[in-house]
C-alpha atoms as a PDB file:
ATOM      1  CA  THR A   1     -20.532  -5.395  -9.195  1.00  0.00           C
ATOM      2  CA  ARG A   2     -18.825  -6.929 -12.216  1.00  0.00           C
ATOM      3  CA  ILE A   3     -21.788  -6.184 -14.452  1.00  0.00           C
ATOM      4  CA  ALA A   4     -22.125  -2.598 -13.224  1.00  0.00           C
ATOM      5  CA  ARG A   5     -18.448  -2.016 -13.937  1.00  0.00           C
ATOM      6  CA  GLY A   6     -18.288  -3.638 -17.353  1.00  0.00           C
ATOM      7  CA  ARG A   7     -15.131  -4.757 -19.169  1.00  0.00           C
ATOM      8  CA  ALA A   8     -12.724  -2.883 -16.893  1.00  0.00           C
ATOM      9  CA  TRP A   9     -13.501  -5.446 -14.176  1.00  0.00           C
ATOM     10  CA  LEU A  10     -10.877  -7.796 -15.615  1.00  0.00           C
ATOM     11  CA  GLU A  11      -8.204  -5.092 -15.233  1.00  0.00           C
ATOM     12  CA  PHE A  12      -8.630  -4.986 -11.434  1.00  0.00           C
ATOM     13  CA  SER A  13      -6.546  -7.106  -9.086  1.00  0.00           C
ATOM     14  CA  THR A  14      -8.253  -9.818  -7.038  1.00  0.00           C
ATOM     15  CA  GLU A  15      -7.947  -7.588  -3.963  1.00  0.00           C
ATOM     16  CA  GLN A  16      -9.515  -4.636  -5.790  1.00  0.00           C
ATOM     17  CA  GLN A  17     -12.361  -6.827  -7.023  1.00  0.00           C
ATOM     18  CA  ALA A  18     -13.023  -8.085  -3.486  1.00  0.00           C
ATOM     19  CA  GLY A  19     -12.902  -4.532  -2.118  1.00  0.00           C
ATOM     20  CA  LEU A  20     -15.338  -3.324  -4.762  1.00  0.00           C
ATOM     21  CA  VAL A  21     -17.736  -6.217  -4.139  1.00  0.00           C
ATOM     22  CA  ALA A  22     -17.765  -5.489  -0.395  1.00  0.00           C
ATOM     23  CA  ALA A  23     -18.194  -1.719  -0.874  1.00  0.00           C
ATOM     24  CA  PHE A  24     -20.840  -2.196  -3.592  1.00  0.00           C
ATOM     25  CA  THR A  25     -22.801  -4.690  -1.470  1.00  0.00           C
ATOM     26  CA  ASP A  26     -22.853  -2.405   1.571  1.00  0.00           C
ATOM     27  CA  TRP A  27     -23.752   0.607  -0.588  1.00  0.00           C
ATOM     28  CA  THR A  28     -26.572  -1.281  -2.358  1.00  0.00           C
ATOM     29  CA  VAL A  29     -28.153  -2.318   0.949  1.00  0.00           C
ATOM     30  CA  ALA A  30     -27.784   1.201   2.418  1.00  0.00           C
ATOM     31  CA  THR A  31     -29.255   2.740  -0.761  1.00  0.00           C
ATOM     32  CA  SER A  32     -32.275   0.438  -0.635  1.00  0.00           C
ATOM     33  CA  LEU A  33     -32.897   1.237   3.029  1.00  0.00           C
ATOM     34  CA  HIS A  34     -32.387   4.958   2.454  1.00  0.00           C
ATOM     35  CA  ARG A  35     -34.796   5.038  -0.491  1.00  0.00           C
ATOM     36  CA  ALA A  36     -37.453   3.130   1.409  1.00  0.00           C
ATOM     37  CA  GLY A  37     -37.440   5.621   4.275  1.00  0.00           C
ATOM     38  CA  PRO A  38     -39.494   4.986   7.374  1.00  0.00           C
ATOM     39  CA  PHE A  39     -42.210   2.357   7.075  1.00  0.00           C
ATOM     40  CA  ALA A  40     -45.604   3.932   6.464  1.00  0.00           C
ATOM     41  CA  GLY A  41     -47.781   0.990   5.493  1.00  0.00           C
ATOM     42  CA  GLU A  42     -46.186   0.246   2.112  1.00  0.00           C
ATOM     43  CA  SER A  43     -46.286  -3.263   0.744  1.00  0.00           C
ATOM     44  CA  PHE A  44     -44.351  -5.094  -1.937  1.00  0.00           C
ATOM     45  CA  VAL A  45     -46.412  -7.048  -4.464  1.00  0.00           C
ATOM     46  CA  ALA A  46     -44.807  -9.520  -6.885  1.00  0.00           C
ATOM     47  CA  GLU A  47     -46.951  -9.790 -10.004  1.00  0.00           C
ATOM     48  CA  GLY A  48     -45.163 -12.540 -11.892  1.00  0.00           C
ATOM     49  CA  GLY A  49     -42.266 -13.161 -14.198  1.00  0.00           C
ATOM     50  CA  SER A  50     -41.551 -13.857 -17.816  1.00  0.00           C
ATOM     51  CA  ALA A  51     -38.644 -15.702 -19.380  1.00  0.00           C
ATOM     52  CA  GLN A  52     -36.507 -13.719 -21.801  1.00  0.00           C
ATOM     53  CA  ALA A  53     -34.992 -15.154 -25.002  1.00  0.00           C
ATOM     54  CA  ASN A  54     -31.498 -15.233 -23.439  1.00  0.00           C
ATOM     55  CA  GLY A  55     -32.639 -17.199 -20.360  1.00  0.00           C
ATOM     56  CA  ASP A  56     -32.973 -14.193 -18.053  1.00  0.00           C
ATOM     57  CA  VAL A  57     -36.239 -13.666 -16.192  1.00  0.00           C
ATOM     58  CA  MET A  58     -38.051 -10.328 -15.877  1.00  0.00           C
ATOM     59  CA  VAL A  59     -40.103 -10.087 -12.684  1.00  0.00           C
ATOM     60  CA  ARG A  60     -42.898  -7.518 -12.475  1.00  0.00           C
ATOM     61  CA  SER A  61     -43.676  -6.050  -9.085  1.00  0.00           C
ATOM     62  CA  ARG A  62     -44.892  -2.874  -7.462  1.00  0.00           C
ATOM     63  CA  ILE A  63     -44.730  -1.013  -4.190  1.00  0.00           C
ATOM     64  CA  GLU A  64     -48.185  -0.151  -2.913  1.00  0.00           C
ATOM     65  CA  ARG A  65     -48.280   3.092  -0.924  1.00  0.00           C
ATOM     66  CA  PRO A  66     -51.381   4.052   1.075  1.00  0.00           C
ATOM     67  CA  GLY A  67     -52.983   7.138  -0.451  1.00  0.00           C
ATOM     68  CA  LEU A  68     -50.397   7.357  -3.260  1.00  0.00           C
ATOM     69  CA  ALA A  69     -49.897   5.797  -6.668  1.00  0.00           C
ATOM     70  CA  ALA A  70     -48.172   2.421  -6.758  1.00  0.00           C
ATOM     71  CA  VAL A  71     -44.553   2.392  -7.916  1.00  0.00           C
ATOM     72  CA  PRO A  72     -43.920  -0.236 -10.617  1.00  0.00           C
ATOM     73  CA  LEU A  73     -40.620  -2.111 -10.429  1.00  0.00           C
ATOM     74  CA  LEU A  74     -39.104  -4.608 -12.809  1.00  0.00           C
ATOM     75  CA  TYR A  75     -36.291  -6.917 -11.718  1.00  0.00           C
ATOM     76  CA  LEU A  76     -34.017  -8.610 -14.239  1.00  0.00           C
ATOM     77  CA  LEU A  77     -32.765 -11.949 -12.900  1.00  0.00           C
ATOM     78  CA  ARG A  78     -29.971 -14.043 -14.369  1.00  0.00           C
ATOM     79  CA  ALA A  79     -29.053 -17.658 -13.586  1.00  0.00           C
ATOM     80  CA  ALA A  80     -25.736 -17.920 -11.746  1.00  0.00           C
ATOM     81  CA  GLU A  81     -24.282 -20.804  -9.784  1.00  0.00           C
ATOM     82  CA  GLY A  82     -27.545 -22.761  -9.726  1.00  0.00           C
ATOM     83  CA  ASP A  83     -29.644 -19.820  -8.540  1.00  0.00           C
ATOM     84  CA  PHE A  84     -31.052 -16.582  -9.915  1.00  0.00           C
ATOM     85  CA  ARG A  85     -29.542 -13.216  -9.040  1.00  0.00           C
ATOM     86  CA  VAL A  86     -30.866  -9.718  -9.595  1.00  0.00           C
ATOM     87  CA  VAL A  87     -28.699  -7.982 -12.202  1.00  0.00           C
ATOM     88  CA  ASP A  88     -30.827  -4.906 -12.801  1.00  0.00           C
ATOM     89  CA  MET A  89     -33.868  -3.106 -11.506  1.00  0.00           C
ATOM     90  CA  TYR A  90     -36.081  -0.762 -13.501  1.00  0.00           C
ATOM     91  CA  LEU A  91     -37.821   1.930 -11.471  1.00  0.00           C
ATOM     92  CA  SER A  92     -41.194   2.936 -12.881  1.00  0.00           C
ATOM     93  CA  GLY A  93     -40.680   0.218 -15.452  1.00  0.00           C
ATOM     94  CA  SER A  94     -38.016   2.009 -17.479  1.00  0.00           C
ATOM     95  CA  ILE A  95     -35.204   3.620 -15.455  1.00  0.00           C
ATOM     96  CA  SER A  96     -32.323   1.122 -15.371  1.00  0.00           C
ATOM     97  CA  GLU A  97     -30.408   1.065 -12.110  1.00  0.00           C
ATOM     98  CA  LEU A  98     -27.524  -0.664 -13.887  1.00  0.00           C
ATOM     99  CA  ALA A  99     -27.223   2.013 -16.586  1.00  0.00           C
ATOM    100  CA  SER A 100     -27.322   4.733 -13.939  1.00  0.00           C
ATOM    101  CA  ARG A 101     -24.572   3.002 -11.949  1.00  0.00           C
ATOM    102  CA  ARG A 102     -22.345   2.499 -14.991  1.00  0.00           C
ATOM    103  CA  ALA A 103     -22.529   6.198 -15.810  1.00  0.00           C
ATOM    104  CA  ASP A 104     -21.874   7.171 -12.197  1.00  0.00           C
ATOM    105  CA  PHE A 105     -18.967   4.753 -11.763  1.00  0.00           C
ATOM    106  CA  ALA A 106     -17.216   5.632 -15.034  1.00  0.00           C
ATOM    107  CA  GLY A 107     -16.112   9.075 -13.851  1.00  0.00           C
ATOM    108  CA  LEU A 108     -14.860   7.749 -10.522  1.00  0.00           C
ATOM    109  CA  LEU A 109     -12.883   5.011 -12.235  1.00  0.00           C
ATOM    110  CA  ARG A 110     -11.313   7.473 -14.668  1.00  0.00           C
ATOM    111  CA  ALA A 111     -10.361   9.738 -11.771  1.00  0.00           C
ATOM    112  CA  GLY A 112      -8.820   7.144  -9.476  1.00  0.00           C
ATOM    113  CA  GLY A 113      -9.479   3.569 -10.542  1.00  0.00           C
ATOM    114  CA  ALA A 114     -10.987   0.776  -8.499  1.00  0.00           C
ATOM    115  CA  ASP A 115      -9.655   2.110  -5.206  1.00  0.00           C
ATOM    116  CA  GLN A 116     -11.314   5.500  -5.788  1.00  0.00           C
ATOM    117  CA  LEU A 117     -14.637   3.871  -6.625  1.00  0.00           C
ATOM    118  CA  ALA A 118     -14.515   1.634  -3.530  1.00  0.00           C
ATOM    119  CA  ALA A 119     -13.658   4.624  -1.302  1.00  0.00           C
ATOM    120  CA  SER A 120     -16.497   6.654  -2.788  1.00  0.00           C
ATOM    121  CA  LEU A 121     -18.982   3.826  -2.224  1.00  0.00           C
ATOM    122  CA  ARG A 122     -17.842   3.446   1.391  1.00  0.00           C
ATOM    123  CA  ASP A 123     -18.214   7.222   1.932  1.00  0.00           C
ATOM    124  CA  ARG A 124     -21.698   7.251   0.392  1.00  0.00           C
ATOM    125  CA  THR A 125     -22.720   4.288   2.546  1.00  0.00           C
ATOM    126  CA  ALA A 126     -21.517   6.021   5.717  1.00  0.00           C
ATOM    127  CA  VAL A 127     -23.536   9.158   4.873  1.00  0.00           C
ATOM    128  CA  MET A 128     -26.756   7.158   4.290  1.00  0.00           C
ATOM    129  CA  LEU A 129     -26.346   5.174   7.507  1.00  0.00           C
ATOM    130  CA  ARG A 130     -26.016   8.254   9.730  1.00  0.00           C
END
């Protein structure tokens, strides 16, 4: 959440940060489930990873879909608190989820700040989970 928001994160109160993390987490899970749709024999294949100069790790993977072309995915992992965490995902190898989120969130933050963004994420989550 902090990375998707950028420098403005430090301007938010502790309560706003916690609210955004909760809303962002729920929205991320709902988005992943919504995008996946009903199971139709797809499989996830991890192809391997490569260390980046800054210590991050790029993991290559793909979603195999019966009768359709595979969908390549790249995951950017960063070490945090003794573990690695996904900080970005690249659909089809080039479309950054993080860049898309930053652009999407910027307008909401300008319009109503952290509370507006959290409310929007909660609303979007509710729509996807219907």
